[in-house]
PDB file of all heavy atoms in Angstrom:
ATOM      1  N   CYS A   1       7.446   9.790  -8.219  1.00  0.00           N
ATOM      2  CA  CYS A   1       6.945   9.087  -9.336  1.00  0.00           C
ATOM      3  C   CYS A   1       6.069   7.844  -9.025  1.00  0.00           C
ATOM      4  O   CYS A   1       5.477   7.256  -9.876  1.00  0.00           O
ATOM      5  CB  CYS A   1       8.105   8.617 -10.247  1.00  0.00           C
ATOM      6  SG  CYS A   1       9.266   7.521  -9.407  1.00  0.00           S
ATOM      7  N   GLY A   2       6.003   7.475  -7.692  1.00  0.00           N
ATOM      8  CA  GLY A   2       5.122   6.417  -7.309  1.00  0.00           C
ATOM      9  C   GLY A   2       5.860   5.386  -6.443  1.00  0.00           C
ATOM     10  O   GLY A   2       7.083   5.163  -6.555  1.00  0.00           O
ATOM     11  N   MET A   3       5.144   4.692  -5.579  1.00  0.00           N
ATOM     12  CA  MET A   3       5.696   3.653  -4.727  1.00  0.00           C
ATOM     13  C   MET A   3       4.791   2.474  -4.725  1.00  0.00           C
ATOM     14  O   MET A   3       3.507   2.611  -4.691  1.00  0.00           O
ATOM     15  CB  MET A   3       5.867   4.197  -3.260  1.00  0.00           C
ATOM     16  CG  MET A   3       6.555   3.190  -2.318  1.00  0.00           C
ATOM     17  SD  MET A   3       6.816   3.924  -0.671  1.00  0.00           S
ATOM     18  CE  MET A   3       8.004   5.175  -0.965  1.00  0.00           C
ATOM     19  N   SER A   4       5.310   1.298  -4.744  1.00  0.00           N
ATOM     20  CA  SER A   4       4.539   0.030  -4.798  1.00  0.00           C
ATOM     21  C   SER A   4       3.870  -0.192  -3.435  1.00  0.00           C
ATOM     22  O   SER A   4       4.388   0.264  -2.389  1.00  0.00           O
ATOM     23  CB  SER A   4       5.400  -1.149  -5.186  1.00  0.00           C
ATOM     24  OG  SER A   4       6.248  -1.512  -4.137  1.00  0.00           O
ATOM     25  N   ILE A   5       2.780  -0.970  -3.481  1.00  0.00           N
ATOM     26  CA  ILE A   5       2.100  -1.278  -2.247  1.00  0.00           C
ATOM     27  C   ILE A   5       2.979  -2.200  -1.389  1.00  0.00           C
ATOM     28  O   ILE A   5       2.878  -2.198  -0.173  1.00  0.00           O
ATOM     29  CB  ILE A   5       0.766  -1.921  -2.472  1.00  0.00           C
ATOM     30  CG1 ILE A   5       0.840  -3.169  -3.331  1.00  0.00           C
ATOM     31  CG2 ILE A   5      -0.180  -0.956  -3.103  1.00  0.00           C
ATOM     32  CD1 ILE A   5      -0.488  -3.916  -3.505  1.00  0.00           C
ATOM     33  N   LEU A   6       3.903  -2.924  -2.001  1.00  0.00           N
ATOM     34  CA  LEU A   6       4.806  -3.782  -1.212  1.00  0.00           C
ATOM     35  C   LEU A   6       5.703  -2.911  -0.356  1.00  0.00           C
ATOM     36  O   LEU A   6       5.965  -3.163   0.834  1.00  0.00           O
ATOM     37  CB  LEU A   6       5.660  -4.670  -2.105  1.00  0.00           C
ATOM     38  CG  LEU A   6       4.832  -5.826  -2.802  1.00  0.00           C
ATOM     39  CD1 LEU A   6       5.786  -6.549  -3.813  1.00  0.00           C
ATOM     40  CD2 LEU A   6       4.276  -6.766  -1.771  1.00  0.00           C
ATOM     41  N   ASP A   7       6.300  -1.854  -0.996  1.00  0.00           N
ATOM     42  CA  ASP A   7       7.153  -0.962  -0.230  1.00  0.00           C
ATOM     43  C   ASP A   7       6.362  -0.176   0.830  1.00  0.00           C
ATOM     44  O   ASP A   7       6.857   0.094   1.973  1.00  0.00           O
ATOM     45  CB  ASP A   7       7.875   0.009  -1.180  1.00  0.00           C
ATOM     46  CG  ASP A   7       8.946  -0.721  -2.019  1.00  0.00           C
ATOM     47  OD1 ASP A   7       9.422  -1.742  -1.559  1.00  0.00           O
ATOM     48  OD2 ASP A   7       9.283  -0.230  -3.103  1.00  0.00           O
ATOM     49  N   LEU A   8       5.171   0.237   0.439  1.00  0.00           N
ATOM     50  CA  LEU A   8       4.304   0.982   1.419  1.00  0.00           C
ATOM     51  C   LEU A   8       3.962   0.072   2.586  1.00  0.00           C
ATOM     52  O   LEU A   8       3.960   0.537   3.763  1.00  0.00           O
ATOM     53  CB  LEU A   8       3.047   1.484   0.724  1.00  0.00           C
ATOM     54  CG  LEU A   8       3.186   2.704  -0.161  1.00  0.00           C
ATOM     55  CD1 LEU A   8       1.892   2.868  -1.011  1.00  0.00           C
ATOM     56  CD2 LEU A   8       3.459   3.924   0.613  1.00  0.00           C
ATOM     57  N   GLY A   9       3.751  -1.203   2.330  1.00  0.00           N
ATOM     58  CA  GLY A   9       3.411  -2.170   3.377  1.00  0.00           C
ATOM     59  C   GLY A   9       4.619  -2.306   4.334  1.00  0.00           C
ATOM     60  O   GLY A   9       4.435  -2.385   5.529  1.00  0.00           O
ATOM     61  N   LYS A  10       5.843  -2.376   3.782  1.00  0.00           N
ATOM     62  CA  LYS A  10       7.063  -2.487   4.659  1.00  0.00           C
ATOM     63  C   LYS A  10       7.171  -1.271   5.539  1.00  0.00           C
ATOM     64  O   LYS A  10       7.634  -1.346   6.653  1.00  0.00           O
ATOM     65  CB  LYS A  10       8.264  -2.682   3.729  1.00  0.00           C
ATOM     66  CG  LYS A  10       8.327  -4.004   3.046  1.00  0.00           C
ATOM     67  CD  LYS A  10       9.545  -4.080   2.126  1.00  0.00           C
ATOM     68  CE  LYS A  10       9.580  -5.322   1.313  1.00  0.00           C
ATOM     69  NZ  LYS A  10      10.724  -5.401   0.345  1.00  0.00           N
ATOM     70  N   LYS A  11       6.877  -0.067   4.978  1.00  0.00           N
ATOM     71  CA  LYS A  11       7.113   1.164   5.768  1.00  0.00           C
ATOM     72  C   LYS A  11       6.028   1.401   6.805  1.00  0.00           C
ATOM     73  O   LYS A  11       6.228   2.134   7.781  1.00  0.00           O
ATOM     74  CB  LYS A  11       7.178   2.349   4.768  1.00  0.00           C
ATOM     75  CG  LYS A  11       8.436   2.351   3.962  1.00  0.00           C
ATOM     76  CD  LYS A  11       8.455   3.553   3.004  1.00  0.00           C
ATOM     77  CE  LYS A  11       9.752   3.560   2.187  1.00  0.00           C
ATOM     78  NZ  LYS A  11      10.884   3.983   3.070  1.00  0.00           N
ATOM     79  N   THR A  12       4.821   0.851   6.548  1.00  0.00           N
ATOM     80  CA  THR A  12       3.721   1.144   7.454  1.00  0.00           C
ATOM     81  C   THR A  12       3.320  -0.057   8.368  1.00  0.00           C
ATOM     82  O   THR A  12       2.650   0.153   9.335  1.00  0.00           O
ATOM     83  CB  THR A  12       2.450   1.542   6.616  1.00  0.00           C
ATOM     84  OG1 THR A  12       2.078   0.438   5.826  1.00  0.00           O
ATOM     85  CG2 THR A  12       2.777   2.752   5.818  1.00  0.00           C
ATOM     86  N   GLY A  13       3.709  -1.215   7.937  1.00  0.00           N
ATOM     87  CA  GLY A  13       3.276  -2.416   8.706  1.00  0.00           C
ATOM     88  C   GLY A  13       1.854  -2.898   8.329  1.00  0.00           C
ATOM     89  O   GLY A  13       1.349  -3.810   8.954  1.00  0.00           O
ATOM     90  N   ILE A  14       1.270  -2.298   7.321  1.00  0.00           N
ATOM     91  CA  ILE A  14      -0.095  -2.674   6.911  1.00  0.00           C
ATOM     92  C   ILE A  14       0.019  -3.678   5.802  1.00  0.00           C
ATOM     93  O   ILE A  14       0.900  -3.564   4.896  1.00  0.00           O
ATOM     94  CB  ILE A  14      -0.899  -1.395   6.420  1.00  0.00           C
ATOM     95  CG1 ILE A  14      -1.019  -0.414   7.586  1.00  0.00           C
ATOM     96  CG2 ILE A  14      -2.271  -1.814   5.928  1.00  0.00           C
ATOM     97  CD1 ILE A  14      -1.715   0.863   7.194  1.00  0.00           C
ATOM     98  N   ASP A  15      -0.868  -4.627   5.778  1.00  0.00           N
ATOM     99  CA  ASP A  15      -0.928  -5.658   4.702  1.00  0.00           C
ATOM    100  C   ASP A  15      -0.959  -4.922   3.372  1.00  0.00           C
ATOM    101  O   ASP A  15      -1.849  -4.146   3.105  1.00  0.00           O
ATOM    102  CB  ASP A  15      -2.120  -6.553   4.860  1.00  0.00           C
ATOM    103  CG  ASP A  15      -2.250  -7.592   3.866  1.00  0.00           C
ATOM    104  OD1 ASP A  15      -2.787  -7.285   2.724  1.00  0.00           O
ATOM    105  OD2 ASP A  15      -1.774  -8.697   4.019  1.00  0.00           O
ATOM    106  N   PRO A  16      -0.012  -5.217   2.435  1.00  0.00           N
ATOM    107  CA  PRO A  16       0.067  -4.475   1.208  1.00  0.00           C
ATOM    108  C   PRO A  16      -1.174  -4.609   0.350  1.00  0.00           C
ATOM    109  O   PRO A  16      -1.643  -3.581  -0.211  1.00  0.00           O
ATOM    110  CB  PRO A  16       1.301  -5.108   0.467  1.00  0.00           C
ATOM    111  CG  PRO A  16       2.124  -5.670   1.581  1.00  0.00           C
ATOM    112  CD  PRO A  16       1.174  -6.095   2.602  1.00  0.00           C
ATOM    113  N   ALA A  17      -1.745  -5.790   0.257  1.00  0.00           N
ATOM    114  CA  ALA A  17      -2.953  -5.983  -0.565  1.00  0.00           C
ATOM    115  C   ALA A  17      -4.156  -5.163  -0.020  1.00  0.00           C
ATOM    116  O   ALA A  17      -4.871  -4.477  -0.779  1.00  0.00           O
ATOM    117  CB  ALA A  17      -3.316  -7.449  -0.673  1.00  0.00           C
ATOM    118  N   LYS A  18      -4.290  -5.185   1.297  1.00  0.00           N
ATOM    119  CA  LYS A  18      -5.383  -4.347   1.871  1.00  0.00           C
ATOM    120  C   LYS A  18      -5.154  -2.879   1.725  1.00  0.00           C
ATOM    121  O   LYS A  18      -6.096  -2.111   1.418  1.00  0.00           O
ATOM    122  CB  LYS A  18      -5.555  -4.750   3.369  1.00  0.00           C
ATOM    123  CG  LYS A  18      -6.012  -6.200   3.561  1.00  0.00           C
ATOM    124  CD  LYS A  18      -6.110  -6.582   5.005  1.00  0.00           C
ATOM    125  CE  LYS A  18      -6.619  -8.002   5.161  1.00  0.00           C
ATOM    126  NZ  LYS A  18      -6.666  -8.402   6.598  1.00  0.00           N
ATOM    127  N   LEU A  19      -3.883  -2.461   1.854  1.00  0.00           N
ATOM    128  CA  LEU A  19      -3.577  -1.006   1.702  1.00  0.00           C
ATOM    129  C   LEU A  19      -3.828  -0.611   0.249  1.00  0.00           C
ATOM    130  O   LEU A  19      -4.339   0.481  -0.018  1.00  0.00           O
ATOM    131  CB  LEU A  19      -2.144  -0.763   2.112  1.00  0.00           C
ATOM    132  CG  LEU A  19      -1.693   0.697   2.035  1.00  0.00           C
ATOM    133  CD1 LEU A  19      -2.556   1.592   2.915  1.00  0.00           C
ATOM    134  CD2 LEU A  19      -0.189   0.800   2.520  1.00  0.00           C
ATOM    135  N   GLY A  20      -3.483  -1.488  -0.663  1.00  0.00           N
ATOM    136  CA  GLY A  20      -3.716  -1.201  -2.093  1.00  0.00           C
ATOM    137  C   GLY A  20      -5.244  -0.974  -2.384  1.00  0.00           C
ATOM    138  O   GLY A  20      -5.580  -0.122  -3.155  1.00  0.00           O
ATOM    139  N   ARG A  21      -6.051  -1.751  -1.797  1.00  0.00           N
ATOM    140  CA  ARG A  21      -7.502  -1.628  -1.977  1.00  0.00           C
ATOM    141  C   ARG A  21      -7.999  -0.303  -1.453  1.00  0.00           C
ATOM    142  O   ARG A  21      -8.847   0.352  -2.067  1.00  0.00           O
ATOM    143  CB  ARG A  21      -8.236  -2.784  -1.333  1.00  0.00           C
ATOM    144  CG  ARG A  21      -8.031  -4.154  -2.053  1.00  0.00           C
ATOM    145  CD  ARG A  21      -8.184  -5.372  -1.144  1.00  0.00           C
ATOM    146  NE  ARG A  21      -9.530  -5.454  -0.658  1.00  0.00           N
ATOM    147  CZ  ARG A  21      -9.922  -6.410   0.229  1.00  0.00           C
ATOM    148  NH1 ARG A  21      -9.000  -7.245   0.717  1.00  0.00           N
ATOM    149  NH2 ARG A  21     -11.198  -6.484   0.614  1.00  0.00           N
ATOM    150  N   ILE A  22      -7.463   0.098  -0.318  1.00  0.00           N
ATOM    151  CA  ILE A  22      -7.871   1.390   0.249  1.00  0.00           C
ATOM    152  C   ILE A  22      -7.387   2.533  -0.685  1.00  0.00           C
ATOM    153  O   ILE A  22      -8.174   3.521  -0.941  1.00  0.00           O
ATOM    154  CB  ILE A  22      -7.297   1.543   1.667  1.00  0.00           C
ATOM    155  CG1 ILE A  22      -8.046   0.620   2.636  1.00  0.00           C
ATOM    156  CG2 ILE A  22      -7.329   2.997   2.150  1.00  0.00           C
ATOM    157  CD1 ILE A  22      -7.358   0.467   3.963  1.00  0.00           C
ATOM    158  N   LEU A  23      -6.157   2.482  -1.138  1.00  0.00           N
ATOM    159  CA  LEU A  23      -5.640   3.550  -1.973  1.00  0.00           C
ATOM    160  C   LEU A  23      -6.370   3.550  -3.348  1.00  0.00           C
ATOM    161  O   LEU A  23      -6.558   4.650  -3.914  1.00  0.00           O
ATOM    162  CB  LEU A  23      -4.133   3.349  -2.212  1.00  0.00           C
ATOM    163  CG  LEU A  23      -3.269   3.652  -0.949  1.00  0.00           C
ATOM    164  CD1 LEU A  23      -1.806   3.253  -1.217  1.00  0.00           C
ATOM    165  CD2 LEU A  23      -3.334   5.127  -0.625  1.00  0.00           C
ATOM    166  N   ARG A  24      -6.761   2.400  -3.857  1.00  0.00           N
ATOM    167  CA  ARG A  24      -7.466   2.370  -5.111  1.00  0.00           C
ATOM    168  C   ARG A  24      -8.846   3.019  -5.004  1.00  0.00           C
ATOM    169  O   ARG A  24      -9.291   3.710  -5.914  1.00  0.00           O
ATOM    170  CB  ARG A  24      -7.572   0.928  -5.613  1.00  0.00           C
ATOM    171  CG  ARG A  24      -8.157   0.810  -7.067  1.00  0.00           C
ATOM    172  CD  ARG A  24      -7.907  -0.562  -7.641  1.00  0.00           C
ATOM    173  NE  ARG A  24      -6.498  -0.793  -7.867  1.00  0.00           N
ATOM    174  CZ  ARG A  24      -5.735  -1.602  -7.151  1.00  0.00           C
ATOM    175  NH1 ARG A  24      -6.310  -2.336  -6.164  1.00  0.00           N
ATOM    176  NH2 ARG A  24      -4.477  -1.760  -7.416  1.00  0.00           N
ATOM    177  N   TYR A  25      -9.483   2.762  -3.864  1.00  0.00           N
ATOM    178  CA  TYR A  25     -10.786   3.405  -3.620  1.00  0.00           C
ATOM    179  C   TYR A  25     -10.612   4.936  -3.606  1.00  0.00           C
ATOM    180  O   TYR A  25     -11.397   5.658  -4.278  1.00  0.00           O
ATOM    181  CB  TYR A  25     -11.378   2.908  -2.292  1.00  0.00           C
ATOM    182  CG  TYR A  25     -12.641   3.636  -1.854  1.00  0.00           C
ATOM    183  CD1 TYR A  25     -13.849   3.291  -2.308  1.00  0.00           C
ATOM    184  CD2 TYR A  25     -12.506   4.673  -0.859  1.00  0.00           C
ATOM    185  CE1 TYR A  25     -14.997   3.934  -1.922  1.00  0.00           C
ATOM    186  CE2 TYR A  25     -13.708   5.300  -0.436  1.00  0.00           C
ATOM    187  CZ  TYR A  25     -14.901   4.950  -0.977  1.00  0.00           C
ATOM    188  OH  TYR A  25     -16.072   5.609  -0.574  1.00  0.00           O
ATOM    189  N   LEU A  26      -9.629   5.423  -2.868  1.00  0.00           N
ATOM    190  CA  LEU A  26      -9.401   6.874  -2.830  1.00  0.00           C
ATOM    191  C   LEU A  26      -8.974   7.420  -4.163  1.00  0.00           C
ATOM    192  O   LEU A  26      -9.432   8.519  -4.519  1.00  0.00           O
ATOM    193  CB  LEU A  26      -8.382   7.199  -1.742  1.00  0.00           C
ATOM    194  CG  LEU A  26      -8.838   6.961  -0.259  1.00  0.00           C
ATOM    195  CD1 LEU A  26      -7.679   7.185   0.691  1.00  0.00           C
ATOM    196  CD2 LEU A  26     -10.007   7.818   0.050  1.00  0.00           C
TER     197      LEU A  26
END
């Protein structure tokens, strides 16, 4: 159903805000 960029950041080690920008582009 979806995962927040904060949780994705914790699991990947990538800055959540930057990862969110990448996912929004895609």
